[in-house]
Amino acid sequence: MPEPRVPGDGGATLELPCGEAKRVHELDMGMREYDCPCGDAHAVVMDVHPPERFLPEFLVEVLREAVETTSEEMPEFDTPHLLGMVIEEFPERVAFADCSDDGEVGWSMVWVTGFDSRRLHEVVVELVVELMEHAVSHSDDRGAVAEFEERMLDFDVSAFVEQYRAERDLEREGPYV
């Protein structure tokens, strides 16, 4: 049940993974990272952020075609599904708020993680690779399975994230990356 609130009161309060508190109205749609008083930077993700923030468009298209969702509200694989994977793997490292009833923000869901934005990016890529490995392991084509496994041996998540962020020019924007 959402926390009761009065318009203009700053909205719900998130208890961050570090123990600090943050009012959701202090989060901006363009914000990708929050420099917390605890001294750490926390990645900020909202449902309005496209999954292409983390993955190339072609891969998002493949995931949308291949992954069947069970949600009527979110029938297409999207950012909430990516963050759901992160929550499943690291429940203690993600704070979440459903603000769909809050007309003062331009988004419905927000996640603030115990990871900085770069580490969260790596975690998302690692989890998508695991999802792909699981899917390929169910293939009857042993050659395709072997080829995928061989290619994954050479795949460097950190290098991929570095290159992807450079191509998207994400580092230059500060907390709005």
N, C-alpha and C. Protein backbone atom coordinates (compact mmCIF):
# COMPACT_ATOMS: atom_id res chain seq x y z
N MET A 1 0.84 -1.18 0.00
CA MET A 1 0.00 0.00 0.00
C MET A 1 0.89 1.24 0.00
N PRO A 2 0.64 2.19 -0.92
CA PRO A 2 1.46 3.39 -0.97
C PRO A 2 1.32 4.21 0.31
N GLU A 3 2.40 4.89 0.61
CA GLU A 3 2.43 5.76 1.78
C GLU A 3 1.48 6.94 1.56
N PRO A 4 0.57 7.23 2.51
CA PRO A 4 -0.33 8.38 2.32
C PRO A 4 0.48 9.66 2.25
N ARG A 5 0.00 10.58 1.43
CA ARG A 5 0.74 11.82 1.29
C ARG A 5 -0.20 12.99 1.02
N VAL A 6 0.33 14.15 1.20
CA VAL A 6 -0.37 15.39 0.95
C VAL A 6 0.32 16.04 -0.24
N PRO A 7 -0.43 16.56 -1.24
CA PRO A 7 0.22 17.21 -2.38
C PRO A 7 1.23 18.25 -1.91
N GLY A 8 2.38 18.22 -2.57
CA GLY A 8 3.44 19.17 -2.24
C GLY A 8 4.32 18.74 -1.09
N ASP A 9 4.10 17.56 -0.52
CA ASP A 9 4.89 17.13 0.64
C ASP A 9 6.20 16.43 0.27
N GLY A 10 6.50 16.29 -1.01
CA GLY A 10 7.73 15.64 -1.43
C GLY A 10 7.54 14.18 -1.79
N GLY A 11 6.31 13.69 -1.67
CA GLY A 11 6.03 12.31 -2.06
C GLY A 11 6.57 11.30 -1.10
N ALA A 12 6.55 10.06 -1.55
CA ALA A 12 7.02 8.94 -0.74
C ALA A 12 8.51 9.10 -0.43
N THR A 13 8.92 8.43 0.60
CA THR A 13 10.32 8.41 0.99
C THR A 13 10.87 7.02 0.72
N LEU A 14 11.98 6.98 0.03
CA LEU A 14 12.67 5.72 -0.22
C LEU A 14 13.75 5.52 0.83
N GLU A 15 13.79 4.35 1.42
CA GLU A 15 14.94 4.02 2.26
C GLU A 15 15.95 3.37 1.33
N LEU A 16 17.07 4.03 1.14
CA LEU A 16 18.08 3.57 0.20
C LEU A 16 18.84 2.38 0.76
N PRO A 17 19.48 1.61 -0.09
CA PRO A 17 20.22 0.44 0.37
C PRO A 17 21.29 0.76 1.42
N CYS A 18 21.78 1.99 1.42
CA CYS A 18 22.81 2.39 2.39
C CYS A 18 22.20 2.79 3.74
N GLY A 19 20.87 2.91 3.80
CA GLY A 19 20.20 3.31 5.04
C GLY A 19 19.73 4.75 5.05
N GLU A 20 20.23 5.56 4.13
CA GLU A 20 19.77 6.96 4.02
C GLU A 20 18.36 6.98 3.45
N ALA A 21 17.68 8.11 3.59
CA ALA A 21 16.33 8.28 3.05
C ALA A 21 16.37 9.35 1.96
N LYS A 22 15.50 9.18 0.97
CA LYS A 22 15.42 10.14 -0.14
C LYS A 22 13.96 10.29 -0.54
N ARG A 23 13.47 11.54 -0.61
CA ARG A 23 12.11 11.82 -1.06
C ARG A 23 12.07 11.64 -2.58
N VAL A 24 11.04 10.98 -3.08
CA VAL A 24 10.96 10.71 -4.51
C VAL A 24 10.83 11.98 -5.34
N HIS A 25 10.26 13.03 -4.79
CA HIS A 25 10.12 14.28 -5.54
C HIS A 25 11.46 14.98 -5.74
N GLU A 26 12.48 14.53 -5.04
CA GLU A 26 13.82 15.08 -5.23
C GLU A 26 14.55 14.40 -6.38
N LEU A 27 13.91 13.40 -6.96
CA LEU A 27 14.50 12.68 -8.10
C LEU A 27 13.92 13.25 -9.38
N ASP A 28 14.78 13.49 -10.34
CA ASP A 28 14.39 14.08 -11.61
C ASP A 28 14.41 13.02 -12.70
N MET A 29 13.50 13.12 -13.69
CA MET A 29 13.44 12.11 -14.76
C MET A 29 14.76 11.94 -15.49
N GLY A 30 15.56 12.97 -15.58
CA GLY A 30 16.84 12.87 -16.27
C GLY A 30 17.95 12.33 -15.41
N MET A 31 17.71 12.18 -14.12
CA MET A 31 18.74 11.73 -13.20
C MET A 31 19.04 10.25 -13.41
N ARG A 32 20.32 9.94 -13.50
CA ARG A 32 20.74 8.55 -13.66
C ARG A 32 21.58 8.08 -12.47
N GLU A 33 22.03 9.04 -11.66
CA GLU A 33 22.85 8.71 -10.50
C GLU A 33 22.64 9.78 -9.44
N TYR A 34 22.65 9.35 -8.19
CA TYR A 34 22.43 10.24 -7.07
C TYR A 34 23.65 10.16 -6.16
N ASP A 35 24.28 11.32 -5.91
CA ASP A 35 25.40 11.38 -4.97
C ASP A 35 24.83 11.52 -3.57
N CYS A 36 24.89 10.45 -2.81
CA CYS A 36 24.25 10.34 -1.51
C CYS A 36 25.12 10.92 -0.39
N PRO A 37 24.50 11.44 0.64
CA PRO A 37 25.26 11.90 1.81
C PRO A 37 26.11 10.79 2.45
N CYS A 38 25.79 9.53 2.17
CA CYS A 38 26.59 8.43 2.72
C CYS A 38 27.97 8.37 2.09
N GLY A 39 28.16 9.11 0.99
CA GLY A 39 29.44 9.11 0.30
C GLY A 39 29.46 8.28 -0.97
N ASP A 40 28.43 7.47 -1.18
CA ASP A 40 28.35 6.63 -2.37
C ASP A 40 27.46 7.28 -3.42
N ALA A 41 27.66 6.87 -4.65
CA ALA A 41 26.76 7.24 -5.74
C ALA A 41 25.82 6.07 -5.97
N HIS A 42 24.53 6.34 -6.10
CA HIS A 42 23.52 5.31 -6.32
C HIS A 42 22.90 5.51 -7.69
N ALA A 43 22.81 4.42 -8.46
CA ALA A 43 22.14 4.49 -9.75
C ALA A 43 20.66 4.74 -9.53
N VAL A 44 20.07 5.57 -10.38
CA VAL A 44 18.65 5.87 -10.34
C VAL A 44 18.07 5.46 -11.69
N VAL A 45 17.01 4.65 -11.65
CA VAL A 45 16.36 4.19 -12.87
C VAL A 45 14.87 4.41 -12.70
N MET A 46 14.24 4.90 -13.75
CA MET A 46 12.79 5.09 -13.75
C MET A 46 12.18 4.30 -14.89
N ASP A 47 10.93 3.96 -14.75
CA ASP A 47 10.27 3.16 -15.79
C ASP A 47 10.26 3.87 -17.13
N VAL A 48 10.37 5.18 -17.16
CA VAL A 48 10.39 5.92 -18.42
C VAL A 48 11.75 5.87 -19.12
N HIS A 49 12.77 5.39 -18.42
CA HIS A 49 14.08 5.25 -19.05
C HIS A 49 14.04 4.04 -19.97
N PRO A 50 14.48 4.19 -21.20
CA PRO A 50 14.41 3.07 -22.14
C PRO A 50 15.45 2.00 -21.80
N PRO A 51 15.15 0.74 -22.13
CA PRO A 51 16.13 -0.31 -21.87
C PRO A 51 17.41 -0.12 -22.69
N GLU A 52 17.34 0.70 -23.73
CA GLU A 52 18.53 1.02 -24.52
C GLU A 52 19.55 1.82 -23.71
N ARG A 53 19.17 2.25 -22.54
CA ARG A 53 20.13 2.86 -21.62
C ARG A 53 21.23 1.84 -21.30
N PHE A 54 20.85 0.56 -21.27
CA PHE A 54 21.78 -0.50 -20.89
C PHE A 54 22.20 -1.40 -22.06
N LEU A 55 21.33 -1.55 -23.04
CA LEU A 55 21.53 -2.55 -24.10
C LEU A 55 21.31 -1.93 -25.47
N PRO A 56 22.03 -2.42 -26.47
CA PRO A 56 21.82 -1.91 -27.84
C PRO A 56 20.39 -2.19 -28.31
N GLU A 57 19.91 -1.33 -29.17
CA GLU A 57 18.54 -1.43 -29.67
C GLU A 57 18.23 -2.80 -30.28
N PHE A 58 19.17 -3.36 -31.05
CA PHE A 58 18.91 -4.66 -31.68
C PHE A 58 18.68 -5.74 -30.62
N LEU A 59 19.41 -5.68 -29.52
CA LEU A 59 19.25 -6.68 -28.47
C LEU A 59 17.93 -6.49 -27.73
N VAL A 60 17.53 -5.26 -27.52
CA VAL A 60 16.23 -4.98 -26.90
C VAL A 60 15.12 -5.56 -27.79
N GLU A 61 15.24 -5.38 -29.09
CA GLU A 61 14.25 -5.94 -30.02
C GLU A 61 14.19 -7.46 -29.92
N VAL A 62 15.35 -8.10 -29.85
CA VAL A 62 15.41 -9.56 -29.73
C VAL A 62 14.75 -10.00 -28.42
N LEU A 63 15.06 -9.31 -27.33
CA LEU A 63 14.47 -9.66 -26.04
C LEU A 63 12.95 -9.48 -26.07
N ARG A 64 12.49 -8.44 -26.71
CA ARG A 64 11.04 -8.20 -26.80
C ARG A 64 10.35 -9.31 -27.60
N GLU A 65 11.02 -9.81 -28.61
CA GLU A 65 10.45 -10.89 -29.40
C GLU A 65 10.51 -12.23 -28.66
N ALA A 66 11.58 -12.44 -27.90
CA ALA A 66 11.83 -13.76 -27.30
C ALA A 66 11.25 -13.94 -25.90
N VAL A 67 11.16 -12.87 -25.13
CA VAL A 67 10.75 -13.00 -23.73
C VAL A 67 9.25 -12.74 -23.62
N GLU A 68 8.56 -13.73 -23.11
CA GLU A 68 7.13 -13.58 -22.86
C GLU A 68 6.95 -13.07 -21.43
N THR A 69 6.23 -11.97 -21.30
CA THR A 69 5.96 -11.44 -19.97
C THR A 69 4.58 -11.93 -19.53
N THR A 70 4.38 -11.87 -18.23
CA THR A 70 3.09 -12.31 -17.68
C THR A 70 2.27 -11.14 -17.17
N SER A 71 2.72 -9.94 -17.43
CA SER A 71 2.08 -8.75 -16.91
C SER A 71 1.16 -8.11 -17.95
N GLU A 72 -0.09 -7.89 -17.57
CA GLU A 72 -1.00 -7.17 -18.45
C GLU A 72 -0.63 -5.69 -18.51
N GLU A 73 -0.11 -5.15 -17.41
CA GLU A 73 0.28 -3.73 -17.37
C GLU A 73 1.54 -3.47 -18.19
N MET A 74 2.43 -4.47 -18.26
CA MET A 74 3.68 -4.33 -19.00
C MET A 74 3.88 -5.55 -19.90
N PRO A 75 3.12 -5.64 -20.98
CA PRO A 75 3.19 -6.84 -21.82
C PRO A 75 4.48 -6.95 -22.63
N GLU A 76 5.21 -5.85 -22.78
CA GLU A 76 6.43 -5.85 -23.57
C GLU A 76 7.64 -5.77 -22.65
N PHE A 77 8.66 -6.58 -22.94
CA PHE A 77 9.90 -6.56 -22.17
C PHE A 77 10.45 -5.15 -22.18
N ASP A 78 10.72 -4.61 -20.99
CA ASP A 78 11.13 -3.22 -20.89
C ASP A 78 12.00 -3.02 -19.66
N THR A 79 12.30 -1.77 -19.35
CA THR A 79 13.16 -1.44 -18.22
C THR A 79 12.69 -2.06 -16.91
N PRO A 80 11.39 -2.05 -16.57
CA PRO A 80 10.98 -2.69 -15.31
C PRO A 80 11.36 -4.18 -15.24
N HIS A 81 11.38 -4.86 -16.37
CA HIS A 81 11.78 -6.26 -16.38
C HIS A 81 13.28 -6.40 -16.09
N LEU A 82 14.08 -5.49 -16.66
CA LEU A 82 15.51 -5.51 -16.38
C LEU A 82 15.77 -5.28 -14.89
N LEU A 83 15.07 -4.29 -14.31
CA LEU A 83 15.28 -4.02 -12.89
C LEU A 83 14.71 -5.13 -12.03
N GLY A 84 13.67 -5.79 -12.51
CA GLY A 84 13.15 -6.96 -11.79
C GLY A 84 14.20 -8.05 -11.69
N MET A 85 14.98 -8.23 -12.76
CA MET A 85 16.07 -9.20 -12.74
C MET A 85 17.11 -8.81 -11.70
N VAL A 86 17.41 -7.51 -11.62
CA VAL A 86 18.40 -7.03 -10.65
C VAL A 86 17.87 -7.26 -9.22
N ILE A 87 16.60 -6.94 -8.99
CA ILE A 87 16.01 -7.14 -7.66
C ILE A 87 16.03 -8.61 -7.27
N GLU A 88 15.74 -9.46 -8.23
CA GLU A 88 15.73 -10.90 -7.93
C GLU A 88 17.11 -11.38 -7.50
N GLU A 89 18.14 -10.85 -8.12
CA GLU A 89 19.51 -11.28 -7.82
C GLU A 89 20.09 -10.54 -6.61
N PHE A 90 19.72 -9.27 -6.43
CA PHE A 90 20.29 -8.43 -5.37
C PHE A 90 19.20 -7.68 -4.62
N PRO A 91 18.28 -8.37 -3.95
CA PRO A 91 17.14 -7.69 -3.32
C PRO A 91 17.54 -6.63 -2.28
N GLU A 92 18.63 -6.85 -1.60
CA GLU A 92 19.06 -5.90 -0.57
C GLU A 92 19.76 -4.67 -1.14
N ARG A 93 20.02 -4.67 -2.45
CA ARG A 93 20.76 -3.58 -3.08
C ARG A 93 19.87 -2.65 -3.90
N VAL A 94 18.53 -2.83 -3.81
CA VAL A 94 17.63 -2.02 -4.63
C VAL A 94 16.46 -1.51 -3.77
N ALA A 95 16.26 -0.19 -3.79
CA ALA A 95 15.07 0.43 -3.19
C ALA A 95 14.13 0.75 -4.35
N PHE A 96 12.83 0.58 -4.10
CA PHE A 96 11.84 0.72 -5.16
C PHE A 96 10.64 1.49 -4.64
N ALA A 97 10.07 2.34 -5.50
CA ALA A 97 8.82 3.02 -5.14
C ALA A 97 7.88 3.02 -6.34
N ASP A 98 6.62 2.69 -6.08
CA ASP A 98 5.56 2.79 -7.09
C ASP A 98 4.87 4.12 -6.84
N CYS A 99 5.04 5.03 -7.76
CA CYS A 99 4.48 6.38 -7.62
C CYS A 99 3.41 6.64 -8.68
N SER A 100 2.78 5.56 -9.15
CA SER A 100 1.80 5.70 -10.22
C SER A 100 0.60 6.55 -9.80
N ASP A 101 0.35 6.69 -8.51
CA ASP A 101 -0.76 7.53 -8.04
C ASP A 101 -0.30 8.95 -7.70
N ASP A 102 0.96 9.24 -7.94
CA ASP A 102 1.53 10.55 -7.61
C ASP A 102 1.56 11.39 -8.88
N GLY A 103 0.64 12.32 -9.01
CA GLY A 103 0.55 13.16 -10.20
C GLY A 103 1.62 14.23 -10.28
N GLU A 104 2.50 14.31 -9.29
CA GLU A 104 3.53 15.35 -9.30
C GLU A 104 4.85 14.89 -9.90
N VAL A 105 4.94 13.63 -10.29
CA VAL A 105 6.16 13.14 -10.94
C VAL A 105 5.79 12.68 -12.34
N GLY A 106 6.76 12.59 -13.22
CA GLY A 106 6.50 12.21 -14.59
C GLY A 106 6.80 10.75 -14.88
N TRP A 107 6.84 9.94 -13.85
CA TRP A 107 7.14 8.52 -13.99
C TRP A 107 6.30 7.75 -12.99
N SER A 108 6.23 6.44 -13.17
CA SER A 108 5.42 5.61 -12.28
C SER A 108 6.26 4.83 -11.28
N MET A 109 7.39 4.33 -11.74
CA MET A 109 8.24 3.51 -10.88
C MET A 109 9.65 4.05 -10.86
N VAL A 110 10.28 3.94 -9.70
CA VAL A 110 11.68 4.36 -9.56
C VAL A 110 12.42 3.32 -8.73
N TRP A 111 13.66 3.08 -9.15
CA TRP A 111 14.55 2.20 -8.43
C TRP A 111 15.82 2.99 -8.13
N VAL A 112 16.32 2.88 -6.91
CA VAL A 112 17.61 3.46 -6.54
C VAL A 112 18.43 2.29 -5.99
N THR A 113 19.62 2.11 -6.56
CA THR A 113 20.39 0.93 -6.22
C THR A 113 21.60 1.24 -5.34
N GLY A 114 22.13 0.22 -4.74
CA GLY A 114 23.36 0.32 -3.98
C GLY A 114 24.59 0.32 -4.89
N PHE A 115 24.36 0.24 -6.19
CA PHE A 115 25.44 0.30 -7.18
C PHE A 115 25.47 1.70 -7.79
N ASP A 116 26.66 2.13 -8.23
CA ASP A 116 26.69 3.36 -9.02
C ASP A 116 26.17 3.01 -10.42
N SER A 117 25.98 4.01 -11.27
CA SER A 117 25.33 3.76 -12.56
C SER A 117 26.16 2.84 -13.45
N ARG A 118 27.46 2.95 -13.40
CA ARG A 118 28.30 2.08 -14.23
C ARG A 118 28.20 0.63 -13.75
N ARG A 119 28.31 0.40 -12.45
CA ARG A 119 28.23 -0.98 -11.94
C ARG A 119 26.85 -1.57 -12.20
N LEU A 120 25.79 -0.77 -12.05
CA LEU A 120 24.45 -1.27 -12.37
C LEU A 120 24.39 -1.68 -13.84
N HIS A 121 24.99 -0.88 -14.70
CA HIS A 121 25.01 -1.20 -16.13
C HIS A 121 25.67 -2.57 -16.33
N GLU A 122 26.78 -2.81 -15.68
CA GLU A 122 27.46 -4.10 -15.78
C GLU A 122 26.58 -5.23 -15.26
N VAL A 123 25.91 -5.01 -14.13
CA VAL A 123 25.04 -6.03 -13.55
C VAL A 123 23.91 -6.38 -14.52
N VAL A 124 23.30 -5.37 -15.13
CA VAL A 124 22.22 -5.62 -16.09
C VAL A 124 22.74 -6.46 -17.26
N VAL A 125 23.89 -6.11 -17.80
CA VAL A 125 24.45 -6.86 -18.93
C VAL A 125 24.77 -8.29 -18.49
N GLU A 126 25.36 -8.47 -17.32
CA GLU A 126 25.66 -9.82 -16.82
C GLU A 126 24.39 -10.66 -16.71
N LEU A 127 23.32 -10.07 -16.20
CA LEU A 127 22.07 -10.81 -16.03
C LEU A 127 21.41 -11.14 -17.37
N VAL A 128 21.52 -10.23 -18.34
CA VAL A 128 20.97 -10.52 -19.67
C VAL A 128 21.77 -11.63 -20.34
N VAL A 129 23.08 -11.62 -20.16
CA VAL A 129 23.90 -12.71 -20.71
C VAL A 129 23.49 -14.04 -20.08
N GLU A 130 23.27 -14.05 -18.77
CA GLU A 130 22.80 -15.27 -18.10
C GLU A 130 21.45 -15.72 -18.65
N LEU A 131 20.55 -14.78 -18.88
CA LEU A 131 19.25 -15.10 -19.46
C LEU A 131 19.42 -15.71 -20.85
N MET A 132 20.29 -15.14 -21.64
CA MET A 132 20.54 -15.66 -22.98
C MET A 132 21.17 -17.05 -22.92
N GLU A 133 22.12 -17.24 -22.02
CA GLU A 133 22.74 -18.56 -21.86
C GLU A 133 21.69 -19.61 -21.49
N HIS A 134 20.80 -19.24 -20.60
CA HIS A 134 19.74 -20.17 -20.19
C HIS A 134 18.84 -20.52 -21.39
N ALA A 135 18.48 -19.50 -22.15
CA ALA A 135 17.61 -19.73 -23.31
C ALA A 135 18.30 -20.61 -24.35
N VAL A 136 19.56 -20.34 -24.63
CA VAL A 136 20.29 -21.11 -25.63
C VAL A 136 20.49 -22.55 -25.16
N SER A 137 20.64 -22.76 -23.86
CA SER A 137 20.86 -24.11 -23.34
C SER A 137 19.67 -25.03 -23.61
N HIS A 138 18.51 -24.47 -23.89
CA HIS A 138 17.31 -25.26 -24.18
C HIS A 138 17.17 -25.57 -25.67
N SER A 139 18.12 -25.11 -26.46
CA SER A 139 18.06 -25.34 -27.90
C SER A 139 18.42 -26.79 -28.22
N ASP A 140 17.79 -27.30 -29.27
CA ASP A 140 18.12 -28.64 -29.76
C ASP A 140 19.34 -28.61 -30.67
N ASP A 141 19.76 -27.41 -31.06
CA ASP A 141 20.89 -27.25 -31.96
C ASP A 141 22.18 -27.17 -31.14
N ARG A 142 22.84 -28.31 -30.97
CA ARG A 142 24.07 -28.38 -30.16
C ARG A 142 25.15 -27.47 -30.73
N GLY A 143 25.19 -27.31 -32.05
CA GLY A 143 26.18 -26.43 -32.67
C GLY A 143 25.98 -24.98 -32.25
N ALA A 144 24.72 -24.55 -32.22
CA ALA A 144 24.41 -23.18 -31.80
C ALA A 144 24.77 -22.97 -30.34
N VAL A 145 24.50 -23.98 -29.52
CA VAL A 145 24.83 -23.89 -28.09
C VAL A 145 26.34 -23.77 -27.92
N ALA A 146 27.09 -24.61 -28.60
CA ALA A 146 28.55 -24.58 -28.49
C ALA A 146 29.11 -23.25 -28.99
N GLU A 147 28.56 -22.74 -30.10
CA GLU A 147 29.04 -21.47 -30.64
C GLU A 147 28.76 -20.32 -29.66
N PHE A 148 27.56 -20.32 -29.09
CA PHE A 148 27.21 -19.26 -28.13
C PHE A 148 28.15 -19.33 -26.92
N GLU A 149 28.35 -20.52 -26.38
CA GLU A 149 29.22 -20.67 -25.21
C GLU A 149 30.64 -20.22 -25.52
N GLU A 150 31.13 -20.54 -26.72
CA GLU A 150 32.48 -20.13 -27.12
C GLU A 150 32.58 -18.61 -27.21
N ARG A 151 31.57 -17.99 -27.81
CA ARG A 151 31.58 -16.52 -27.93
C ARG A 151 31.50 -15.84 -26.57
N MET A 152 30.77 -16.44 -25.65
CA MET A 152 30.64 -15.85 -24.32
C MET A 152 31.95 -15.93 -23.53
N LEU A 153 32.80 -16.89 -23.85
CA LEU A 153 34.11 -16.98 -23.21
C LEU A 153 34.95 -15.76 -23.52
N ASP A 154 34.74 -15.19 -24.71
CA ASP A 154 35.49 -14.02 -25.15
C ASP A 154 34.79 -12.70 -24.80
N PHE A 155 33.57 -12.77 -24.30
CA PHE A 155 32.80 -11.55 -24.03
C PHE A 155 33.24 -10.94 -22.71
N ASP A 156 33.66 -9.70 -22.76
CA ASP A 156 34.12 -8.97 -21.58
C ASP A 156 33.06 -7.92 -21.24
N VAL A 157 32.31 -8.17 -20.17
CA VAL A 157 31.21 -7.28 -19.78
C VAL A 157 31.71 -5.87 -19.54
N SER A 158 32.79 -5.74 -18.80
CA SER A 158 33.31 -4.41 -18.47
C SER A 158 33.71 -3.64 -19.73
N ALA A 159 34.38 -4.32 -20.66
CA ALA A 159 34.77 -3.66 -21.91
C ALA A 159 33.54 -3.29 -22.73
N PHE A 160 32.54 -4.18 -22.76
CA PHE A 160 31.30 -3.88 -23.48
C PHE A 160 30.65 -2.62 -22.91
N VAL A 161 30.52 -2.57 -21.58
CA VAL A 161 29.87 -1.43 -20.93
C VAL A 161 30.67 -0.16 -21.19
N GLU A 162 31.98 -0.23 -21.11
CA GLU A 162 32.82 0.94 -21.37
C GLU A 162 32.59 1.45 -22.79
N GLN A 163 32.61 0.54 -23.76
CA GLN A 163 32.41 0.94 -25.15
C GLN A 163 30.99 1.47 -25.38
N TYR A 164 30.00 0.80 -24.83
CA TYR A 164 28.61 1.22 -25.02
C TYR A 164 28.36 2.60 -24.42
N ARG A 165 28.89 2.82 -23.22
CA ARG A 165 28.72 4.12 -22.57
C ARG A 165 29.45 5.21 -23.35
N ALA A 166 30.62 4.90 -23.89
CA ALA A 166 31.36 5.88 -24.68
C ALA A 166 30.59 6.23 -25.95
N GLU A 167 30.02 5.21 -26.60
CA GLU A 167 29.24 5.46 -27.81
C GLU A 167 28.01 6.29 -27.52
N ARG A 168 27.41 6.06 -26.38
CA ARG A 168 26.21 6.82 -26.01
C ARG A 168 26.59 8.11 -25.31
N ASP A 169 27.88 8.32 -25.05
CA ASP A 169 28.38 9.53 -24.41
C ASP A 169 27.77 9.72 -23.04
N LEU A 170 27.71 8.65 -22.28
CA LEU A 170 27.04 8.69 -20.98
C LEU A 170 27.89 9.25 -19.86
N GLU A 171 29.17 9.16 -19.95
CA GLU A 171 30.02 9.61 -18.86
C GLU A 171 30.07 11.13 -18.73
N ARG A 172 29.91 11.84 -19.83
CA ARG A 172 30.08 13.29 -19.86
C ARG A 172 28.96 14.04 -19.16
N GLU A 173 27.82 13.44 -18.99
CA GLU A 173 26.63 14.13 -18.52
C GLU A 173 26.51 14.23 -16.99
N GLY A 174 27.43 13.63 -16.25
CA GLY A 174 27.35 13.69 -14.79
C GLY A 174 26.21 12.83 -14.26
N PRO A 175 25.45 13.35 -13.27
CA PRO A 175 24.42 12.53 -12.66
C PRO A 175 23.23 12.28 -13.60
N TYR A 176 23.22 12.91 -14.74
CA TYR A 176 22.11 12.75 -15.68
C TYR A 176 22.51 11.84 -16.83
N VAL A 177 23.19 10.73 -16.49
CA VAL A 177 23.62 9.76 -17.50
C VAL A 177 22.85 8.48 -17.39
